PDB file of N, CA and C in Angstrom:
ATOM      1  N   MET A   1     -16.942   4.857   6.690  1.00  0.00           N
ATOM      2  CA  MET A   1     -17.168   5.556   8.219  1.00  0.00           C
ATOM      3  C   MET A   1     -17.444   6.335   7.850  1.00  0.00           C
ATOM      4  N   LYS A   2     -16.945   7.745   7.187  1.00  0.00           N
ATOM      5  CA  LYS A   2     -17.128   8.698   7.268  1.00  0.00           C
ATOM      6  C   LYS A   2     -16.173   9.497   7.875  1.00  0.00           C
ATOM      7  N   ASP A   3     -15.177   9.174   8.057  1.00  0.00           N
ATOM      8  CA  ASP A   3     -13.981   9.799   9.504  1.00  0.00           C
ATOM      9  C   ASP A   3     -13.368  10.189   8.612  1.00  0.00           C
ATOM     10  N   TYR A   4     -13.761  11.069   7.993  1.00  0.00           N
ATOM     11  CA  TYR A   4     -12.384  11.860   6.387  1.00  0.00           C
ATOM     12  C   TYR A   4     -10.950  12.103   7.487  1.00  0.00           C
ATOM     13  N   ASP A   5     -10.947  12.845   8.094  1.00  0.00           N
ATOM     14  CA  ASP A   5     -10.002  13.514   9.091  1.00  0.00           C
ATOM     15  C   ASP A   5      -9.172  12.388   9.596  1.00  0.00           C
ATOM     16  N   LYS A   6      -9.616  11.076  10.441  1.00  0.00           N
ATOM     17  CA  LYS A   6      -8.724   9.977  10.588  1.00  0.00           C
ATOM     18  C   LYS A   6      -8.190   9.362   8.939  1.00  0.00           C
ATOM     19  N   ALA A   7      -9.073   9.295   8.444  1.00  0.00           N
ATOM     20  CA  ALA A   7      -8.445   8.467   7.355  1.00  0.00           C
ATOM     21  C   ALA A   7      -7.363   9.757   6.360  1.00  0.00           C
ATOM     22  N   LEU A   8      -7.302  10.371   6.395  1.00  0.00           N
ATOM     23  CA  LEU A   8      -6.225  11.264   5.769  1.00  0.00           C
ATOM     24  C   LEU A   8      -5.081  11.345   7.160  1.00  0.00           C
ATOM     25  N   MET A   9      -4.996  11.854   8.431  1.00  0.00           N
ATOM     26  CA  MET A   9      -4.349  10.925   9.212  1.00  0.00           C
ATOM     27  C   MET A   9      -3.516   9.751   8.344  1.00  0.00           C
ATOM     28  N   GLU A  10      -3.706   8.945   8.568  1.00  0.00           N
ATOM     29  CA  GLU A  10      -3.998   7.478   8.078  1.00  0.00           C
ATOM     30  C   GLU A  10      -3.518   7.333   7.334  1.00  0.00           C
ATOM     31  N   PHE A  11      -3.529   7.877   6.263  1.00  0.00           N
ATOM     32  CA  PHE A  11      -3.285   8.192   4.656  1.00  0.00           C
ATOM     33  C   PHE A  11      -1.579   8.619   4.319  1.00  0.00           C
ATOM     34  N   ASP A  12      -1.675   9.730   5.303  1.00  0.00           N
ATOM     35  CA  ASP A  12      -0.315  10.685   5.057  1.00  0.00           C
ATOM     36  C   ASP A  12       0.938  10.207   5.982  1.00  0.00           C
ATOM     37  N   GLN A  13       0.050   9.030   7.177  1.00  0.00           N
ATOM     38  CA  GLN A  13       1.550   8.227   7.648  1.00  0.00           C
ATOM     39  C   GLN A  13       2.129   7.359   6.490  1.00  0.00           C
ATOM     40  N   LEU A  14       0.517   6.436   5.741  1.00  0.00           N
ATOM     41  CA  LEU A  14       1.376   5.775   4.721  1.00  0.00           C
ATOM     42  C   LEU A  14       1.899   6.492   3.679  1.00  0.00           C
ATOM     43  N   SER A  15       1.752   7.598   2.964  1.00  0.00           N
ATOM     44  CA  SER A  15       2.384   8.299   2.154  1.00  0.00           C
ATOM     45  C   SER A  15       4.169   8.360   2.678  1.00  0.00           C
ATOM     46  N   GLN A  16       4.265   8.187   3.445  1.00  0.00           N
ATOM     47  CA  GLN A  16       5.419   8.797   4.262  1.00  0.00           C
ATOM     48  C   GLN A  16       6.282   7.433   4.169  1.00  0.00           C
ATOM     49  N   LEU A  17       5.924   5.959   3.893  1.00  0.00           N
ATOM     50  CA  LEU A  17       6.519   4.924   4.078  1.00  0.00           C
ATOM     51  C   LEU A  17       6.976   4.767   2.746  1.00  0.00           C
ATOM     52  N   LYS A  18       8.438   4.570   2.930  1.00  0.00           N
ATOM     53  CA  LYS A  18       9.633   4.607   1.842  1.00  0.00           C
ATOM     54  C   LYS A  18      10.116   3.579   0.958  1.00  0.00           C
ATOM     55  N   HIS A  19       9.531   2.242   2.543  1.00  0.00           N
ATOM     56  CA  HIS A  19      10.246   0.686   1.945  1.00  0.00           C
ATOM     57  C   HIS A  19       8.930   0.083   1.120  1.00  0.00           C
ATOM     58  N   LEU A  20       7.607   1.004   1.028  1.00  0.00           N
ATOM     59  CA  LEU A  20       6.827   0.183  -0.134  1.00  0.00           C
ATOM     60  C   LEU A  20       7.087  -0.056  -1.513  1.00  0.00           C
ATOM     61  N   HIS A  21       6.827  -1.150  -2.114  1.00  0.00           N
ATOM     62  CA  HIS A  21       6.726  -1.506  -3.457  1.00  0.00           C
ATOM     63  C   HIS A  21       6.240  -0.241  -4.686  1.00  0.00           C
ATOM     64  N   SER A  22       4.682  -0.577  -3.836  1.00  0.00           N
ATOM     65  CA  SER A  22       3.496   0.797  -4.567  1.00  0.00           C
ATOM     66  C   SER A  22       3.173   1.096  -3.078  1.00  0.00           C
ATOM     67  N   ASN A  23       2.999   2.561  -3.050  1.00  0.00           N
ATOM     68  CA  ASN A  23       1.891   3.352  -1.835  1.00  0.00           C
ATOM     69  C   ASN A  23       1.342   4.455  -2.840  1.00  0.00           C
ATOM     70  N   PRO A  24       0.268   4.119  -2.355  1.00  0.00           N
ATOM     71  CA  PRO A  24      -1.293   4.848  -2.942  1.00  0.00           C
ATOM     72  C   PRO A  24      -1.744   5.764  -1.776  1.00  0.00           C
ATOM     73  N   GLY A  25      -0.536   6.007  -1.067  1.00  0.00           N
ATOM     74  CA  GLY A  25      -0.844   7.180   0.046  1.00  0.00           C
ATOM     75  C   GLY A  25      -1.605   8.579  -0.320  1.00  0.00           C
ATOM     76  N   TYR A  26      -0.754   8.958  -1.417  1.00  0.00           N
ATOM     77  CA  TYR A  26      -1.122  10.431  -1.879  1.00  0.00           C
ATOM     78  C   TYR A  26      -2.381  10.070  -2.590  1.00  0.00           C
ATOM     79  N   PHE A  27      -2.652   9.237  -3.107  1.00  0.00           N
ATOM     80  CA  PHE A  27      -3.790   8.796  -3.876  1.00  0.00           C
ATOM     81  C   PHE A  27      -4.993   9.045  -3.549  1.00  0.00           C
ATOM     82  N   LEU A  28      -4.786   7.971  -2.369  1.00  0.00           N
ATOM     83  CA  LEU A  28      -6.475   7.674  -1.495  1.00  0.00           C
ATOM     84  C   LEU A  28      -6.512   9.375  -0.381  1.00  0.00           C
ATOM     85  N   MET A  29      -5.570  10.040  -0.439  1.00  0.00           N
ATOM     86  CA  MET A  29      -5.240  11.507   0.739  1.00  0.00           C
ATOM     87  C   MET A  29      -6.742  12.354  -0.695  1.00  0.00           C
ATOM     88  N   ALA A  30      -5.780  11.988  -1.500  1.00  0.00           N
ATOM     89  CA  ALA A  30      -6.811  12.535  -3.007  1.00  0.00           C
ATOM     90  C   ALA A  30      -8.445  12.186  -2.859  1.00  0.00           C
ATOM     91  N   ILE A  31      -8.369  11.222  -3.167  1.00  0.00           N
ATOM     92  CA  ILE A  31      -9.925  10.716  -3.051  1.00  0.00           C
ATOM     93  C   ILE A  31     -10.512  11.378  -1.543  1.00  0.00           C
ATOM     94  N   THR A  32      -9.512  11.043  -0.115  1.00  0.00           N
ATOM     95  CA  THR A  32     -10.670  11.631   0.867  1.00  0.00           C
ATOM     96  C   THR A  32     -10.955  12.854   0.882  1.00  0.00           C
ATOM     97  N   LEU A  33     -10.065  13.929   0.420  1.00  0.00           N
ATOM     98  CA  LEU A  33     -10.758  15.109   0.633  1.00  0.00           C
ATOM     99  C   LEU A  33     -11.719  15.078  -0.555  1.00  0.00           C
ATOM    100  N   LEU A  34     -11.767  14.558  -1.562  1.00  0.00           N
ATOM    101  CA  LEU A  34     -12.887  14.651  -2.723  1.00  0.00           C
ATOM    102  C   LEU A  34     -13.647  14.128  -2.283  1.00  0.00           C
ATOM    103  N   LYS A  35     -13.909  13.372  -1.776  1.00  0.00           N
ATOM    104  CA  LYS A  35     -15.806  12.786  -0.729  1.00  0.00           C
ATOM    105  C   LYS A  35     -15.721  14.178   0.699  1.00  0.00           C
ATOM    106  N   ARG A  36     -14.671  14.316   1.226  1.00  0.00           N
ATOM    107  CA  ARG A  36     -14.677  15.111   2.042  1.00  0.00           C
ATOM    108  C   ARG A  36     -15.604  16.692   1.866  1.00  0.00           C
ATOM    109  N   ASN A  37     -15.597  17.168   0.804  1.00  0.00           N
ATOM    110  CA  ASN A  37     -15.680  17.943   0.502  1.00  0.00           C
ATOM    111  C   ASN A  37     -15.373  19.191   0.698  1.00  0.00           C
ATOM    112  N   LYS A  38     -15.047  19.769   1.765  1.00  0.00           N
ATOM    113  CA  LYS A  38     -14.843  21.021   2.312  1.00  0.00           C
ATOM    114  C   LYS A  38     -13.944  21.586   1.637  1.00  0.00           C
ATOM    115  N   GLU A  39     -14.573  23.565   2.096  1.00  0.00           N
ATOM    116  CA  GLU A  39     -13.823  24.504   1.178  1.00  0.00           C
ATOM    117  C   GLU A  39     -12.093  24.390   1.498  1.00  0.00           C
ATOM    118  N   GLY A  40     -11.162  24.053  -0.067  1.00  0.00           N
ATOM    119  CA  GLY A  40     -10.234  23.767   0.002  1.00  0.00           C
ATOM    120  C   GLY A  40      -9.702  22.623  -0.459  1.00  0.00           C
ATOM    121  N   ASP A  41     -10.824  21.813  -0.078  1.00  0.00           N
ATOM    122  CA  ASP A  41     -10.655  20.330  -0.420  1.00  0.00           C
ATOM    123  C   ASP A  41     -10.217  20.459  -2.040  1.00  0.00           C
ATOM    124  N   ARG A  42     -10.950  20.630  -2.629  1.00  0.00           N
ATOM    125  CA  ARG A  42     -10.668  19.696  -4.104  1.00  0.00           C
ATOM    126  C   ARG A  42      -8.881  20.502  -4.561  1.00  0.00           C
ATOM    127  N   ASN A  43      -8.742  21.653  -3.898  1.00  0.00           N
ATOM    128  CA  ASN A  43      -7.650  22.856  -4.706  1.00  0.00           C
ATOM    129  C   ASN A  43      -6.327  21.407  -4.332  1.00  0.00           C
ATOM    130  N   LYS A  44      -6.601  20.976  -2.329  1.00  0.00           N
ATOM    131  CA  LYS A  44      -5.232  19.838  -2.054  1.00  0.00           C
ATOM    132  C   LYS A  44      -5.769  18.988  -3.439  1.00  0.00           C
ATOM    133  N   ALA A  45      -7.093  18.435  -3.057  1.00  0.00           N
ATOM    134  CA  ALA A  45      -6.163  17.012  -4.008  1.00  0.00           C
ATOM    135  C   ALA A  45      -5.904  16.904  -4.964  1.00  0.00           C
ATOM    136  N   GLN A  46      -6.394  18.307  -5.794  1.00  0.00           N
ATOM    137  CA  GLN A  46      -5.682  18.574  -7.656  1.00  0.00           C
ATOM    138  C   GLN A  46      -4.090  18.372  -6.878  1.00  0.00           C
ATOM    139  N   VAL A  47      -3.759  19.252  -6.400  1.00  0.00           N
ATOM    140  CA  VAL A  47      -2.517  19.163  -5.764  1.00  0.00           C
ATOM    141  C   VAL A  47      -1.981  18.095  -5.624  1.00  0.00           C
ATOM    142  N   LEU A  48      -2.444  17.009  -4.486  1.00  0.00           N
ATOM    143  CA  LEU A  48      -2.103  15.262  -4.464  1.00  0.00           C
ATOM    144  C   LEU A  48      -1.879  14.929  -5.649  1.00  0.00           C
ATOM    145  N   LEU A  49      -2.930  14.883  -6.473  1.00  0.00           N
ATOM    146  CA  LEU A  49      -3.005  14.118  -8.172  1.00  0.00           C
ATOM    147  C   LEU A  49      -2.285  13.767  -9.322  1.00  0.00           C
ATOM    148  N   GLU A  50      -1.579  15.670  -8.868  1.00  0.00           N
ATOM    149  CA  GLU A  50      -0.806  16.092  -9.907  1.00  0.00           C
ATOM    150  C   GLU A  50       0.676  15.447  -9.216  1.00  0.00           C
ATOM    151  N   LYS A  51       0.899  15.314  -8.111  1.00  0.00           N
ATOM    152  CA  LYS A  51       1.936  14.477  -7.443  1.00  0.00           C
ATOM    153  C   LYS A  51       2.485  12.882  -7.695  1.00  0.00           C
ATOM    154  N   VAL A  52       0.978  12.533  -7.721  1.00  0.00           N
ATOM    155  CA  VAL A  52       1.036  10.818  -8.071  1.00  0.00           C
ATOM    156  C   VAL A  52       1.697  10.771  -9.110  1.00  0.00           C
ATOM    157  N   ILE A  53       1.094  12.347 -10.340  1.00  0.00           N
ATOM    158  CA  ILE A  53       1.403  11.884 -12.169  1.00  0.00           C
ATOM    159  C   ILE A  53       2.484  11.903 -12.150  1.00  0.00           C
ATOM    160  N   GLY A  54       2.865  12.867 -11.207  1.00  0.00           N
ATOM    161  CA  GLY A  54       4.602  13.681 -11.715  1.00  0.00           C
ATOM    162  C   GLY A  54       5.639  12.742 -11.038  1.00  0.00           C
ATOM    163  N   GLU A  55       5.319  11.995  -9.833  1.00  0.00           N
ATOM    164  CA  GLU A  55       6.073  10.920  -9.584  1.00  0.00           C
ATOM    165  C   GLU A  55       5.999   9.695 -10.145  1.00  0.00           C
ATOM    166  N   ASN A  56       4.913   9.013 -11.179  1.00  0.00           N
ATOM    167  CA  ASN A  56       4.068   7.883 -11.189  1.00  0.00           C
ATOM    168  C   ASN A  56       4.247   7.359  -9.986  1.00  0.00           C
ATOM    169  N   LEU A  57       3.251   7.953  -9.221  1.00  0.00           N
ATOM    170  CA  LEU A  57       3.409   6.935  -8.146  1.00  0.00           C
ATOM    171  C   LEU A  57       1.724   6.062  -8.140  1.00  0.00           C
ATOM    172  N   SER A  58       1.283   5.242  -7.383  1.00  0.00           N
ATOM    173  CA  SER A  58       0.065   4.387  -7.415  1.00  0.00           C
ATOM    174  C   SER A  58      -1.062   5.155  -7.825  1.00  0.00           C
ATOM    175  N   GLY A  59      -1.654   5.311  -8.483  1.00  0.00           N
ATOM    176  CA  GLY A  59      -2.585   5.724  -9.252  1.00  0.00           C
ATOM    177  C   GLY A  59      -3.290   6.664 -10.223  1.00  0.00           C
ATOM    178  N   ARG A  60      -1.930   6.484 -10.478  1.00  0.00           N
ATOM    179  CA  ARG A  60      -1.189   7.395 -11.984  1.00  0.00           C
ATOM    180  C   ARG A  60      -2.447   7.437 -12.784  1.00  0.00           C
ATOM    181  N   LYS A  61      -2.465   6.575 -13.197  1.00  0.00           N
ATOM    182  CA  LYS A  61      -3.722   6.259 -14.534  1.00  0.00           C
ATOM    183  C   LYS A  61      -5.425   6.586 -14.183  1.00  0.00           C
ATOM    184  N   GLU A  62      -5.505   6.596 -13.054  1.00  0.00           N
ATOM    185  CA  GLU A  62      -6.566   7.207 -12.741  1.00  0.00           C
ATOM    186  C   GLU A  62      -6.868   8.635 -12.235  1.00  0.00           C
ATOM    187  N   ALA A  63      -5.366   9.456 -11.630  1.00  0.00           N
ATOM    188  CA  ALA A  63      -5.538  10.777 -11.677  1.00  0.00           C
ATOM    189  C   ALA A  63      -5.222  11.445 -12.944  1.00  0.00           C
ATOM    190  N   GLU A  64      -4.910  10.801 -14.082  1.00  0.00           N
ATOM    191  CA  GLU A  64      -5.001  11.392 -14.983  1.00  0.00           C
ATOM    192  C   GLU A  64      -5.804  11.718 -15.773  1.00  0.00           C
ATOM    193  N   LYS A  65      -7.028  10.580 -15.644  1.00  0.00           N
ATOM    194  CA  LYS A  65      -8.009  11.004 -16.107  1.00  0.00           C
ATOM    195  C   LYS A  65      -9.228  11.445 -15.474  1.00  0.00           C
ATOM    196  N   TRP A  66      -8.705  11.882 -13.938  1.00  0.00           N
ATOM    197  CA  TRP A  66      -9.756  12.372 -13.209  1.00  0.00           C
ATOM    198  C   TRP A  66      -9.485  14.202 -13.756  1.00  0.00           C
ATOM    199  N   LEU A  67      -7.624  14.374 -13.569  1.00  0.00           N
ATOM    200  CA  LEU A  67      -7.594  15.764 -14.156  1.00  0.00           C
ATOM    201  C   LEU A  67      -8.218  16.438 -15.484  1.00  0.00           C
ATOM    202  N   LYS A  68      -8.128  14.979 -15.745  1.00  0.00           N
ATOM    203  CA  LYS A  68      -8.966  15.763 -17.541  1.00  0.00           C
ATOM    204  C   LYS A  68     -10.019  16.300 -17.329  1.00  0.00           C
ATOM    205  N   LYS A  69     -11.319  15.968 -16.502  1.00  0.00           N
ATOM    206  CA  LYS A  69     -12.514  16.436 -17.077  1.00  0.00           C
ATOM    207  C   LYS A  69     -12.399  17.785 -15.892  1.00  0.00           C
TER     208      LYS A  69
END
């Protein structure tokens, strides 16, 4: 649907939920930023991917692969 701004809001809300066994919110936000590709999005996505790795969140393995590239 390419409604990136709405997706970012939804994924941000998801990332704030603490009672989930697995929470892909930050990872999905990073993917959305990379797809949207506005100025500054790559840097924001990198920060989120580093957070995913550092906190061992859902999407960690993929995040590690992407940051190596």
